[in-house]
C-alpha atoms as a PDB file:
ATOM      1  CA  MET A   1      81.035 102.677 120.187  1.00  0.00           C
ATOM      2  CA  VAL A   2      78.406 100.343 120.254  1.00  0.00           C
ATOM      3  CA  ALA A   3      79.266  96.928 121.129  1.00  0.00           C
ATOM      4  CA  TYR A   4      78.206  93.674 120.375  1.00  0.00           C
ATOM      5  CA  ASP A   5      80.249  91.840 122.475  1.00  0.00           C
ATOM      6  CA  ALA A   6      82.450  91.714 125.078  1.00  0.00           C
ATOM      7  CA  ASN A   7      85.380  90.854 123.103  1.00  0.00           C
ATOM      8  CA  SER A   8      85.053  93.960 121.553  1.00  0.00           C
ATOM      9  CA  ILE A   9      85.447  96.394 124.292  1.00  0.00           C
ATOM     10  CA  PHE A  10      88.304  94.088 125.253  1.00  0.00           C
ATOM     11  CA  THR A  11      90.132  94.965 121.921  1.00  0.00           C
ATOM     12  CA  THR A  12      89.547  98.532 122.007  1.00  0.00           C
ATOM     13  CA  LEU A  13      90.297  98.937 125.574  1.00  0.00           C
ATOM     14  CA  THR A  14      93.860  96.727 125.119  1.00  0.00           C
ATOM     15  CA  LYS A  15      94.400  97.978 121.869  1.00  0.00           C
ATOM     16  CA  VAL A  16      93.626 101.829 121.455  1.00  0.00           C
ATOM     17  CA  VAL A  17      92.142 103.137 125.041  1.00  0.00           C
ATOM     18  CA  LEU A  18      95.156 101.914 128.186  1.00  0.00           C
ATOM     19  CA  PRO A  19      98.086 102.104 125.451  1.00  0.00           C
ATOM     20  CA  ALA A  20      97.280 105.437 124.679  1.00  0.00           C
ATOM     21  CA  GLY A  21      99.904 108.592 126.201  1.00  0.00           C
ATOM     22  CA  ARG A  22     102.341 105.700 127.831  1.00  0.00           C
ATOM     23  CA  GLY A  23     104.694 105.848 124.987  1.00  0.00           C
ATOM     24  CA  GLY A  24     105.564 109.647 125.680  1.00  0.00           C
ATOM     25  CA  GLY A  25     104.889 110.768 122.576  1.00  0.00           C
ATOM     26  CA  ALA A  26     104.645 113.947 121.442  1.00  0.00           C
ATOM     27  CA  TYR A  27     101.248 114.810 119.753  1.00  0.00           C
ATOM     28  CA  ILE A  28      98.609 116.068 121.075  1.00  0.00           C
ATOM     29  CA  CYS A  29      94.957 115.329 120.289  1.00  0.00           C
ATOM     30  CA  PRO A  30      93.204 118.833 118.503  1.00  0.00           C
ATOM     31  CA  ILE A  31      90.222 117.570 119.559  1.00  0.00           C
ATOM     32  CA  CYS A  32      90.192 116.420 123.141  1.00  0.00           C
ATOM     33  CA  GLY A  33      93.255 117.548 124.152  1.00  0.00           C
ATOM     34  CA  LEU A  34      95.180 114.109 125.489  1.00  0.00           C
ATOM     35  CA  ARG A  35      98.397 114.414 124.847  1.00  0.00           C
ATOM     36  CA  ASN A  36     101.829 112.000 125.148  1.00  0.00           C
ATOM     37  CA  LEU A  37     100.583 110.321 122.008  1.00  0.00           C
ATOM     38  CA  THR A  38     102.899 108.699 119.397  1.00  0.00           C
ATOM     39  CA  GLU A  39     101.857 108.901 115.486  1.00  0.00           C
ATOM     40  CA  ARG A  40     100.221 105.403 116.115  1.00  0.00           C
ATOM     41  CA  ASP A  41      98.632 106.331 119.194  1.00  0.00           C
ATOM     42  CA  LEU A  42      96.999 109.330 117.237  1.00  0.00           C
ATOM     43  CA  PHE A  43      96.299 107.097 114.570  1.00  0.00           C
ATOM     44  CA  LEU A  44      93.908 104.829 116.509  1.00  0.00           C
ATOM     45  CA  HIS A  45      92.495 107.435 118.847  1.00  0.00           C
ATOM     46  CA  MET A  46      91.026 109.271 116.305  1.00  0.00           C
ATOM     47  CA  PRO A  47      88.325 107.080 115.173  1.00  0.00           C
ATOM     48  CA  THR A  48      87.879 105.212 118.636  1.00  0.00           C
ATOM     49  CA  PHE A  49      86.953 108.867 119.918  1.00  0.00           C
ATOM     50  CA  HIS A  50      86.065 111.091 117.195  1.00  0.00           C
ATOM     51  CA  ILE A  51      84.805 109.251 114.264  1.00  0.00           C
ATOM     52  CA  ASN A  52      81.197 111.157 114.555  1.00  0.00           C
ATOM     53  CA  VAL A  53      82.653 114.685 114.853  1.00  0.00           C
ATOM     54  CA  ALA A  54      81.406 116.397 111.617  1.00  0.00           C
ATOM     55  CA  ASN A  55      84.188 117.560 108.793  1.00  0.00           C
ATOM     56  CA  GLU A  56      83.315 120.983 109.553  1.00  0.00           C
ATOM     57  CA  CYS A  57      84.396 120.750 113.047  1.00  0.00           C
ATOM     58  CA  LEU A  58      87.348 119.233 112.837  1.00  0.00           C
ATOM     59  CA  PRO A  59      90.674 121.389 113.029  1.00  0.00           C
ATOM     60  CA  SER A  60      92.359 122.266 109.837  1.00  0.00           C
ATOM     61  CA  LYS A  61      95.929 121.490 110.920  1.00  0.00           C
ATOM     62  CA  CYS A  62      97.372 118.115 110.660  1.00  0.00           C
ATOM     63  CA  PRO A  63      99.212 118.052 114.421  1.00  0.00           C
ATOM     64  CA  ILE A  64     101.410 115.356 113.104  1.00  0.00           C
ATOM     65  CA  CYS A  65     103.113 116.836 109.922  1.00  0.00           C
ATOM     66  CA  ASP A  66     101.696 120.543 110.585  1.00  0.00           C
ATOM     67  CA  ILE A  67     100.198 120.543 106.987  1.00  0.00           C
ATOM     68  CA  HIS A  68      96.985 122.844 106.841  1.00  0.00           C
ATOM     69  CA  LEU A  69      93.952 120.405 105.291  1.00  0.00           C
ATOM     70  CA  HIS A  70      90.928 122.842 104.795  1.00  0.00           C
ATOM     71  CA  GLU A  71      91.529 123.850 100.791  1.00  0.00           C
ATOM     72  CA  HIS A  72      91.621 120.186  99.954  1.00  0.00           C
ATOM     73  CA  THR A  73      90.937 117.308 102.517  1.00  0.00           C
ATOM     74  CA  ASN A  74      89.643 117.024 106.178  1.00  0.00           C
ATOM     75  CA  LEU A  75      91.653 115.574 108.903  1.00  0.00           C
ATOM     76  CA  GLN A  76      90.496 112.331 109.191  1.00  0.00           C
ATOM     77  CA  VAL A  77      90.794 111.194 106.055  1.00  0.00           C
ATOM     78  CA  HIS A  78      94.418 113.171 105.966  1.00  0.00           C
ATOM     79  CA  MET A  79      95.237 110.704 108.867  1.00  0.00           C
ATOM     80  CA  HIS A  80      93.921 107.459 107.093  1.00  0.00           C
ATOM     81  CA  TYR A  81      96.091 107.767 103.982  1.00  0.00           C
ATOM     82  CA  ASP A  82      98.883 109.935 105.619  1.00  0.00           C
ATOM     83  CA  HIS A  83      99.752 108.563 108.882  1.00  0.00           C
ATOM     84  CA  ASN A  84      98.471 104.664 108.752  1.00  0.00           C
ATOM     85  CA  PRO A  85     101.895 102.791 110.245  1.00  0.00           C
ATOM     86  CA  SER A  86     100.374 100.006 107.955  1.00  0.00           C
ATOM     87  CA  ARG A  87      99.640 101.673 104.590  1.00  0.00           C
ATOM     88  CA  ARG A  88     102.813 103.907 104.077  1.00  0.00           C
ATOM     89  CA  GLU A  89     103.350 105.006 100.435  1.00  0.00           C
ATOM     90  CA  THR A  90     106.271 106.807  98.903  1.00  0.00           C
ATOM     91  CA  HIS A  91     103.632 109.783  97.934  1.00  0.00           C
ATOM     92  CA  THR A  92     100.821 110.812 100.137  1.00  0.00           C
ATOM     93  CA  GLN A  93      97.010 110.861  98.905  1.00  0.00           C
ATOM     94  CA  THR A  94      97.378 114.842  99.436  1.00  0.00           C
ATOM     95  CA  GLN A  95     100.493 115.198  97.040  1.00  0.00           C
ATOM     96  CA  ALA A  96      99.096 113.039  94.951  1.00  0.00           C
ATOM     97  CA  LEU A  97      95.765 115.260  94.340  1.00  0.00           C
ATOM     98  CA  LEU A  98      97.647 118.294  94.238  1.00  0.00           C
ATOM     99  CA  THR A  99     100.148 116.786  91.651  1.00  0.00           C
ATOM    100  CA  ARG A 100      97.732 115.468  88.820  1.00  0.00           C
ATOM    101  CA  THR A 101      97.765 117.430  86.030  1.00  0.00           C
ATOM    102  CA  HIS A 102      95.587 115.104  83.382  1.00  0.00           C
ATOM    103  CA  PRO A 103      91.958 114.256  83.351  1.00  0.00           C
ATOM    104  CA  THR A 104      91.464 111.161  85.884  1.00  0.00           C
ATOM    105  CA  LEU A 105      89.125 108.545  85.619  1.00  0.00           C
ATOM    106  CA  TYR A 106      87.929 107.450  89.711  1.00  0.00           C
ATOM    107  CA  HIS A 107      86.570 104.142  89.560  1.00  0.00           C
ATOM    108  CA  PHE A 108      84.182 103.177  93.194  1.00  0.00           C
ATOM    109  CA  ALA A 109      82.459  99.642  93.650  1.00  0.00           C
ATOM    110  CA  LEU A 110      79.329  99.817  95.886  1.00  0.00           C
ATOM    111  CA  VAL A 111      77.468  96.552  97.767  1.00  0.00           C
ATOM    112  CA  VAL A 112      74.012  96.317  98.504  1.00  0.00           C
ATOM    113  CA  CYS A 113      73.766  93.214 100.664  1.00  0.00           C
ATOM    114  CA  ARG A 114      70.808  91.017 101.459  1.00  0.00           C
ATOM    115  CA  HIS A 115      71.345  88.665 104.030  1.00  0.00           C
ATOM    116  CA  PRO A 116      69.625  85.342 102.253  1.00  0.00           C
ATOM    117  CA  LEU A 117      67.862  84.000 106.130  1.00  0.00           C
ATOM    118  CA  THR A 118      66.604  87.822 107.133  1.00  0.00           C
ATOM    119  CA  GLY A 119      66.052  89.281 104.196  1.00  0.00           C
ATOM    120  CA  LYS A 120      67.438  92.243 106.145  1.00  0.00           C
ATOM    121  CA  TYR A 121      70.234  94.868 103.935  1.00  0.00           C
ATOM    122  CA  LEU A 122      73.637  95.598 105.069  1.00  0.00           C
ATOM    123  CA  LEU A 123      73.893  99.283 106.182  1.00  0.00           C
ATOM    124  CA  CYS A 124      77.323 101.087 107.396  1.00  0.00           C
ATOM    125  CA  GLN A 125      77.462 104.292 109.745  1.00  0.00           C
ATOM    126  CA  GLU A 126      79.859 107.093 107.775  1.00  0.00           C
ATOM    127  CA  PHE A 127      82.340 108.535 110.092  1.00  0.00           C
ATOM    128  CA  ALA A 128      81.890 112.571 110.764  1.00  0.00           C
ATOM    129  CA  SER A 129      78.267 111.725 111.367  1.00  0.00           C
ATOM    130  CA  GLN A 130      77.439 111.732 107.650  1.00  0.00           C
ATOM    131  CA  GLY A 131      75.014 109.259 108.231  1.00  0.00           C
ATOM    132  CA  PHE A 132      74.057 105.727 107.416  1.00  0.00           C
ATOM    133  CA  TRP A 133      75.268 104.231 103.642  1.00  0.00           C
ATOM    134  CA  LEU A 134      76.026 101.202 101.405  1.00  0.00           C
ATOM    135  CA  PRO A 135      79.432  99.604 101.771  1.00  0.00           C
ATOM    136  CA  GLY A 136      81.860 101.058  99.256  1.00  0.00           C
ATOM    137  CA  GLY A 137      84.175 103.262  98.211  1.00  0.00           C
ATOM    138  CA  ALA A 138      87.014 104.015  95.562  1.00  0.00           C
ATOM    139  CA  CYS A 139      89.450 100.972  93.738  1.00  0.00           C
ATOM    140  CA  ASP A 140      92.902 101.096  94.460  1.00  0.00           C
ATOM    141  CA  GLY A 141      95.369 100.814  92.671  1.00  0.00           C
ATOM    142  CA  GLY A 142      95.796  97.598  90.201  1.00  0.00           C
ATOM    143  CA  GLU A 143      92.377  96.310  91.917  1.00  0.00           C
ATOM    144  CA  SER A 144      89.165  95.369  90.250  1.00  0.00           C
ATOM    145  CA  PHE A 145      85.707  96.376  90.979  1.00  0.00           C
ATOM    146  CA  THR A 146      84.735  92.733  92.475  1.00  0.00           C
ATOM    147  CA  GLN A 147      88.068  93.573  94.441  1.00  0.00           C
ATOM    148  CA  ALA A 148      87.174  96.604  95.844  1.00  0.00           C
ATOM    149  CA  ALA A 149      83.500  95.411  96.829  1.00  0.00           C
ATOM    150  CA  ARG A 150      84.532  92.564  98.892  1.00  0.00           C
ATOM    151  CA  ARG A 151      87.471  94.585 100.381  1.00  0.00           C
ATOM    152  CA  GLU A 152      84.799  97.645 100.928  1.00  0.00           C
ATOM    153  CA  ALA A 153      82.234  95.064 102.790  1.00  0.00           C
ATOM    154  CA  MET A 154      85.019  93.763 105.011  1.00  0.00           C
ATOM    155  CA  GLU A 155      86.112  96.975 105.796  1.00  0.00           C
ATOM    156  CA  GLU A 156      83.372  98.704 106.359  1.00  0.00           C
ATOM    157  CA  ALA A 157      81.338  96.094 107.904  1.00  0.00           C
ATOM    158  CA  GLY A 158      83.483  93.283 108.828  1.00  0.00           C
ATOM    159  CA  LEU A 159      82.046  90.825 106.892  1.00  0.00           C
ATOM    160  CA  ASN A 160      82.852  88.670 104.234  1.00  0.00           C
ATOM    161  CA  ILE A 161      80.019  88.957 101.344  1.00  0.00           C
ATOM    162  CA  ASP A 162      79.490  86.429  97.833  1.00  0.00           C
ATOM    163  CA  LEU A 163      78.922  88.797  95.181  1.00  0.00           C
ATOM    164  CA  LYS A 164      75.751  87.341  93.022  1.00  0.00           C
ATOM    165  CA  GLY A 165      75.081  90.144  90.241  1.00  0.00           C
ATOM    166  CA  ILE A 166      75.201  93.714  89.295  1.00  0.00           C
ATOM    167  CA  LEU A 167      72.673  96.253  89.784  1.00  0.00           C
ATOM    168  CA  GLU A 168      74.129  99.606  87.775  1.00  0.00           C
ATOM    169  CA  ILE A 169      77.173 100.135  86.172  1.00  0.00           C
ATOM    170  CA  GLU A 170      77.134 104.080  86.297  1.00  0.00           C
ATOM    171  CA  TYR A 171      79.250 106.163  83.733  1.00  0.00           C
ATOM    172  CA  ASN A 172      79.547 110.196  85.006  1.00  0.00           C
ATOM    173  CA  PRO A 173      82.046 112.178  82.265  1.00  0.00           C
ATOM    174  CA  ASN A 174      82.587 115.793  83.599  1.00  0.00           C
ATOM    175  CA  LYS A 175      80.233 115.894  86.511  1.00  0.00           C
ATOM    176  CA  ARG A 176      80.780 118.101  89.226  1.00  0.00           C
ATOM    177  CA  SER A 177      82.232 116.260  92.502  1.00  0.00           C
ATOM    178  CA  THR A 178      80.541 116.238  95.287  1.00  0.00           C
ATOM    179  CA  ASP A 179      83.832 115.124  97.126  1.00  0.00           C
ATOM    180  CA  ARG A 180      85.029 118.685  97.667  1.00  0.00           C
ATOM    181  CA  ALA A 181      88.608 117.379  98.471  1.00  0.00           C
ATOM    182  CA  VAL A 182      89.162 115.694  95.171  1.00  0.00           C
ATOM    183  CA  SER A 183      87.449 119.405  93.331  1.00  0.00           C
ATOM    184  CA  ALA A 184      89.855 121.725  95.313  1.00  0.00           C
ATOM    185  CA  ALA A 185      92.815 119.363  94.570  1.00  0.00           C
ATOM    186  CA  LEU A 186      91.867 119.889  90.895  1.00  0.00           C
ATOM    187  CA  LYS A 187      91.073 123.328  90.774  1.00  0.00           C
ATOM    188  CA  LYS A 188      94.252 124.101  92.787  1.00  0.00           C
ATOM    189  CA  SER A 189      96.684 121.943  90.857  1.00  0.00           C
ATOM    190  CA  SER A 190      95.446 123.405  87.629  1.00  0.00           C
ATOM    191  CA  GLY A 191      95.716 127.054  88.351  1.00  0.00           C
ATOM    192  CA  GLY A 192      92.212 127.628  89.380  1.00  0.00           C
ATOM    193  CA  VAL A 193      90.317 125.764  86.649  1.00  0.00           C
ATOM    194  CA  ALA A 194      89.018 122.387  87.301  1.00  0.00           C
ATOM    195  CA  GLU A 195      90.144 119.233  85.040  1.00  0.00           C
ATOM    196  CA  ALA A 196      88.225 117.234  83.022  1.00  0.00           C
ATOM    197  CA  TRP A 197      87.452 113.912  84.882  1.00  0.00           C
ATOM    198  CA  VAL A 198      84.956 110.787  85.084  1.00  0.00           C
ATOM    199  CA  LYS A 199      83.485 108.575  87.535  1.00  0.00           C
ATOM    200  CA  LEU A 200      82.778 104.780  86.839  1.00  0.00           C
ATOM    201  CA  ARG A 201      80.976 103.170  89.478  1.00  0.00           C
ATOM    202  CA  VAL A 202      79.584  99.588  89.857  1.00  0.00           C
ATOM    203  CA  THR A 203      76.898  98.530  92.159  1.00  0.00           C
ATOM    204  CA  PHE A 204      76.772  94.897  92.977  1.00  0.00           C
ATOM    205  CA  TYR A 205      74.195  92.827  94.468  1.00  0.00           C
ATOM    206  CA  ALA A 206      75.914  90.450  97.216  1.00  0.00           C
ATOM    207  CA  GLU A 207      75.280  88.229  99.858  1.00  0.00           C
ATOM    208  CA  VAL A 208      76.699  87.498 103.385  1.00  0.00           C
ATOM    209  CA  ALA A 209      79.077  84.482 102.985  1.00  0.00           C
ATOM    210  CA  GLU A 210      78.041  81.358 104.459  1.00  0.00           C
ATOM    211  CA  SER A 211      80.748  81.074 106.787  1.00  0.00           C
ATOM    212  CA  ASP A 212      79.377  84.660 108.532  1.00  0.00           C
ATOM    213  CA  LEU A 213      75.991  84.070 108.152  1.00  0.00           C
ATOM    214  CA  HIS A 214      75.356  84.063 112.099  1.00  0.00           C
ATOM    215  CA  LEU A 215      78.087  86.504 112.766  1.00  0.00           C
ATOM    216  CA  SER A 216      77.341  90.349 113.817  1.00  0.00           C
ATOM    217  CA  PRO A 217      78.849  93.198 111.666  1.00  0.00           C
ATOM    218  CA  LYS A 218      81.486  95.208 112.751  1.00  0.00           C
ATOM    219  CA  CYS A 219      81.235  97.746 115.587  1.00  0.00           C
ATOM    220  CA  ILE A 220      84.923  98.926 116.569  1.00  0.00           C
ATOM    221  CA  PRO A 221      85.248 102.339 114.742  1.00  0.00           C
ATOM    222  CA  ASP A 222      87.919 102.851 112.911  1.00  0.00           C
ATOM    223  CA  PHE A 223      88.676 105.539 109.774  1.00  0.00           C
ATOM    224  CA  GLU A 224      86.900 103.434 107.162  1.00  0.00           C
ATOM    225  CA  SER A 225      83.235 103.031 109.357  1.00  0.00           C
ATOM    226  CA  ALA A 226      81.813 103.640 112.783  1.00  0.00           C
ATOM    227  CA  GLY A 227      80.139 100.318 112.597  1.00  0.00           C
ATOM    228  CA  ALA A 228      77.511  98.566 111.142  1.00  0.00           C
ATOM    229  CA  ALA A 229      74.081  97.039 110.882  1.00  0.00           C
ATOM    230  CA  TRP A 230      71.213  94.467 109.392  1.00  0.00           C
ATOM    231  CA  CYS A 231      68.158  96.756 108.358  1.00  0.00           C
ATOM    232  CA  SER A 232      64.867  95.470 107.280  1.00  0.00           C
ATOM    233  CA  ALA A 233      63.512  97.544 104.178  1.00  0.00           C
ATOM    234  CA  GLU A 234      61.306  98.986 106.252  1.00  0.00           C
ATOM    235  CA  GLU A 235      63.647 100.213 108.278  1.00  0.00           C
ATOM    236  CA  ILE A 236      65.809 101.759 105.670  1.00  0.00           C
ATOM    237  CA  CYS A 237      62.952 103.583 104.086  1.00  0.00           C
ATOM    238  CA  GLU A 238      61.713 105.546 107.635  1.00  0.00           C
ATOM    239  CA  LYS A 239      65.720 106.081 108.560  1.00  0.00           C
ATOM    240  CA  LYS A 240      65.892 109.816 108.039  1.00  0.00           C
ATOM    241  CA  PHE A 241      69.832 109.714 108.481  1.00  0.00           C
ATOM    242  CA  LEU A 242      71.063 108.211 105.467  1.00  0.00           C
ATOM    243  CA  ARG A 243      74.301 109.750 103.468  1.00  0.00           C
ATOM    244  CA  GLY A 244      72.423 108.931 100.141  1.00  0.00           C
ATOM    245  CA  ASN A 245      69.375 107.791  98.454  1.00  0.00           C
ATOM    246  CA  GLU A 246      70.965 104.329  97.486  1.00  0.00           C
ATOM    247  CA  PRO A 247      70.128 102.307 100.089  1.00  0.00           C
ATOM    248  CA  LYS A 248      66.833 103.295  99.980  1.00  0.00           C
ATOM    249  CA  HIS A 249      66.508 103.038  96.408  1.00  0.00           C
ATOM    250  CA  TRP A 250      67.909  99.706  95.897  1.00  0.00           C
ATOM    251  CA  ALA A 251      65.861  98.385  99.294  1.00  0.00           C
ATOM    252  CA  ASN A 252      62.547  99.355  96.782  1.00  0.00           C
ATOM    253  CA  TYR A 253      63.989  97.975  93.321  1.00  0.00           C
ATOM    254  CA  LEU A 254      64.973  94.353  95.283  1.00  0.00           C
ATOM    255  CA  GLU A 255      61.578  93.894  97.355  1.00  0.00           C
ATOM    256  CA  ASN A 256      59.711  94.438  94.112  1.00  0.00           C
ATOM    257  CA  GLY A 257      61.407  92.412  91.739  1.00  0.00           C
ATOM    258  CA  GLY A 258      63.920  94.566  90.156  1.00  0.00           C
ATOM    259  CA  VAL A 259      66.208  92.537  87.760  1.00  0.00           C
ATOM    260  CA  VAL A 260      70.056  91.471  89.200  1.00  0.00           C
ATOM    261  CA  TYR A 261      72.240  91.239  85.847  1.00  0.00           C
ATOM    262  CA  PRO A 262      75.207  88.903  85.782  1.00  0.00           C
ATOM    263  CA  LEU A 263      78.066  89.323  87.459  1.00  0.00           C
ATOM    264  CA  SER A 264      79.726  88.086  83.554  1.00  0.00           C
ATOM    265  CA  ILE A 265      79.119  91.128  82.077  1.00  0.00           C
ATOM    266  CA  LEU A 266      81.686  92.668  83.834  1.00  0.00           C
ATOM    267  CA  LYS A 267      84.726  91.454  81.981  1.00  0.00           C
ATOM    268  CA  GLU A 268      87.688  91.678  84.120  1.00  0.00           C
ATOM    269  CA  GLU A 269      90.835  90.717  83.249  1.00  0.00           C
ATOM    270  CA  LYS A 270      92.867  88.462  85.765  1.00  0.00           C
END
């Protein structure tokens, strides 16, 4: 954990570190062996202490529900969706993945956010040591692309943003997924044949909101990210530990006067 201020350390200590194990829970952390954890304790403990454990190093069995995970998801993702006290759903994400029988459209929002005063770009440190990347992720059910973009920026970087335009709308039909959890789940649910699916991703250009201009990015790890930082275009191009090429591509594109298309080209029903 990298903290920008004493309040972040105090919050982590009082909400996660000190209460851990005092609730007399029945669970043990499968990574470090910490005992007497409740479900909530383990949910908070995992990202705070183990956010950078690589996926291949994670246990393949959930200590809470005893489900084997290696075929369709990893422990961090499973904990995030299936054991989140504030996000409990009737059907878990794991179950939903394994019971799909029709071609699926996946919607994603990606955000290239530049600071209007410093010109630096916002990068998030992905969990499981996957590297730095742009804020972004899948749209929740009933959520628009613009809503997802703002939510992901807040969850992964801790900042409010103002969407200024669109850089790219990407549509990939029937392309093999780089998400092994989705691919494996679809293959298993269809009897060994991966089902047809398409990916639709909108990449937005944004600036940090005026209200958050002088705030530091998020620094307390959770399941959304390990933290975030402002980086110059030069720093991004020199950074080797990136999850994908998007940060370099879009930093170079914007620094060289690339076109930002108006938000109005994306029509969303309200």
